[in-house]
Amino acid sequence: MLELAPNDILALDNLAHALKLDGQIDESLKYFKKSLEINPDNPDTLIAITNVYSHRREFEKAKE
């Protein structure tokens, strides 16, 4: 899907969630951030990024 529509935020978020579930936390964060660049007001993506930082125990980044 991303090959056809690399800026599709739903596809980016879905891939990021799948990567997170697979334990690929750093890779998931990359896709969440790309999604956020496209749509910076998406609350679901903001929450997901906060959760990733919390999982990594980077609480100061999670607050941002």
C-alpha atoms as a PDB file:
ATOM      1  CA  MET A   1       0.000   0.000   0.000  1.00  0.00           C
ATOM      2  CA  LEU A   2       2.751   2.462   0.873  1.00  0.00           C
ATOM      3  CA  GLU A   3       4.348   1.895  -2.508  1.00  0.00           C
ATOM      4  CA  LEU A   4       1.159   3.156  -4.154  1.00  0.00           C
ATOM      5  CA  ALA A   5       0.382   5.879  -1.634  1.00  0.00           C
ATOM      6  CA  PRO A   6       3.452   6.733   0.473  1.00  0.00           C
ATOM      7  CA  ASN A   7       1.633   9.584   2.231  1.00  0.00           C
ATOM      8  CA  ASP A   8      -1.420   7.578   3.299  1.00  0.00           C
ATOM      9  CA  ILE A   9      -1.586   8.228   7.040  1.00  0.00           C
ATOM     10  CA  LEU A  10      -3.836   5.242   7.706  1.00  0.00           C
ATOM     11  CA  ALA A  11      -1.354   2.906   5.994  1.00  0.00           C
ATOM     12  CA  LEU A  12       1.556   4.519   7.841  1.00  0.00           C
ATOM     13  CA  ASP A  13      -0.176   4.213  11.202  1.00  0.00           C
ATOM     14  CA  ASN A  14      -1.228   0.611  10.544  1.00  0.00           C
ATOM     15  CA  LEU A  15       2.310  -0.360   9.586  1.00  0.00           C
ATOM     16  CA  ALA A  16       3.682   1.431  12.634  1.00  0.00           C
ATOM     17  CA  HIS A  17       1.261  -0.396  14.939  1.00  0.00           C
ATOM     18  CA  ALA A  18       2.149  -3.756  13.354  1.00  0.00           C
ATOM     19  CA  LEU A  19       5.855  -3.055  13.787  1.00  0.00           C
ATOM     20  CA  LYS A  20       5.311  -2.067  17.407  1.00  0.00           C
ATOM     21  CA  LEU A  21       3.409  -5.283  18.086  1.00  0.00           C
ATOM     22  CA  ASP A  22       6.271  -7.193  16.474  1.00  0.00           C
ATOM     23  CA  GLY A  23       8.713  -5.553  18.883  1.00  0.00           C
ATOM     24  CA  GLN A  24      10.264  -3.273  16.267  1.00  0.00           C
ATOM     25  CA  ILE A  25       9.801  -0.177  18.383  1.00  0.00           C
ATOM     26  CA  ASP A  26      12.363   2.081  16.703  1.00  0.00           C
ATOM     27  CA  GLU A  27      11.050   1.218  13.246  1.00  0.00           C
ATOM     28  CA  SER A  28       7.460   1.838  14.341  1.00  0.00           C
ATOM     29  CA  LEU A  29       8.383   5.273  15.660  1.00  0.00           C
ATOM     30  CA  LYS A  30       9.806   6.178  12.256  1.00  0.00           C
ATOM     31  CA  TYR A  31       6.446   5.531  10.578  1.00  0.00           C
ATOM     32  CA  PHE A  32       4.420   7.218  13.312  1.00  0.00           C
ATOM     33  CA  LYS A  33       6.594  10.318  12.914  1.00  0.00           C
ATOM     34  CA  LYS A  34       6.178  10.295   9.140  1.00  0.00           C
ATOM     35  CA  SER A  35       2.402  10.094   9.596  1.00  0.00           C
ATOM     36  CA  LEU A  36       2.554  12.992  12.045  1.00  0.00           C
ATOM     37  CA  GLU A  37       4.511  15.109   9.546  1.00  0.00           C
ATOM     38  CA  ILE A  38       1.656  14.673   7.082  1.00  0.00           C
ATOM     39  CA  ASN A  39      -1.115  15.253   9.595  1.00  0.00           C
ATOM     40  CA  PRO A  40       0.283  16.929  12.746  1.00  0.00           C
ATOM     41  CA  ASP A  41      -3.129  17.214  14.404  1.00  0.00           C
ATOM     42  CA  ASN A  42      -3.993  13.502  14.363  1.00  0.00           C
ATOM     43  CA  PRO A  43      -4.676  12.638  18.013  1.00  0.00           C
ATOM     44  CA  ASP A  44      -4.363   8.882  17.432  1.00  0.00           C
ATOM     45  CA  THR A  45      -0.853   9.256  16.057  1.00  0.00           C
ATOM     46  CA  LEU A  46       0.126  11.638  18.850  1.00  0.00           C
ATOM     47  CA  ILE A  47      -1.069   9.111  21.438  1.00  0.00           C
ATOM     48  CA  ALA A  48       0.743   6.277  19.667  1.00  0.00           C
ATOM     49  CA  ILE A  49       4.021   8.220  19.658  1.00  0.00           C
ATOM     50  CA  THR A  50       3.571   9.036  23.342  1.00  0.00           C
ATOM     51  CA  ASN A  51       3.032   5.336  24.048  1.00  0.00           C
ATOM     52  CA  VAL A  52       6.191   4.384  22.144  1.00  0.00           C
ATOM     53  CA  TYR A  53       8.267   6.882  24.099  1.00  0.00           C
ATOM     54  CA  SER A  54       6.722   5.665  27.355  1.00  0.00           C
ATOM     55  CA  HIS A  55       7.503   2.073  26.391  1.00  0.00           C
ATOM     56  CA  ARG A  56      11.111   3.139  25.794  1.00  0.00           C
ATOM     57  CA  ARG A  57      11.041   4.895  29.196  1.00  0.00           C
ATOM     58  CA  GLU A  58      11.722   8.244  27.513  1.00  0.00           C
ATOM     59  CA  PHE A  59       9.199  10.101  29.594  1.00  0.00           C
ATOM     60  CA  GLU A  60      10.421  13.609  28.802  1.00  0.00           C
ATOM     61  CA  LYS A  61       9.951  12.958  25.079  1.00  0.00           C
ATOM     62  CA  ALA A  62       6.541  11.467  25.804  1.00  0.00           C
ATOM     63  CA  LYS A  63       5.476  14.731  27.441  1.00  0.00           C
ATOM     64  CA  GLU A  64       6.318  16.708  24.305  1.00  0.00           C
END
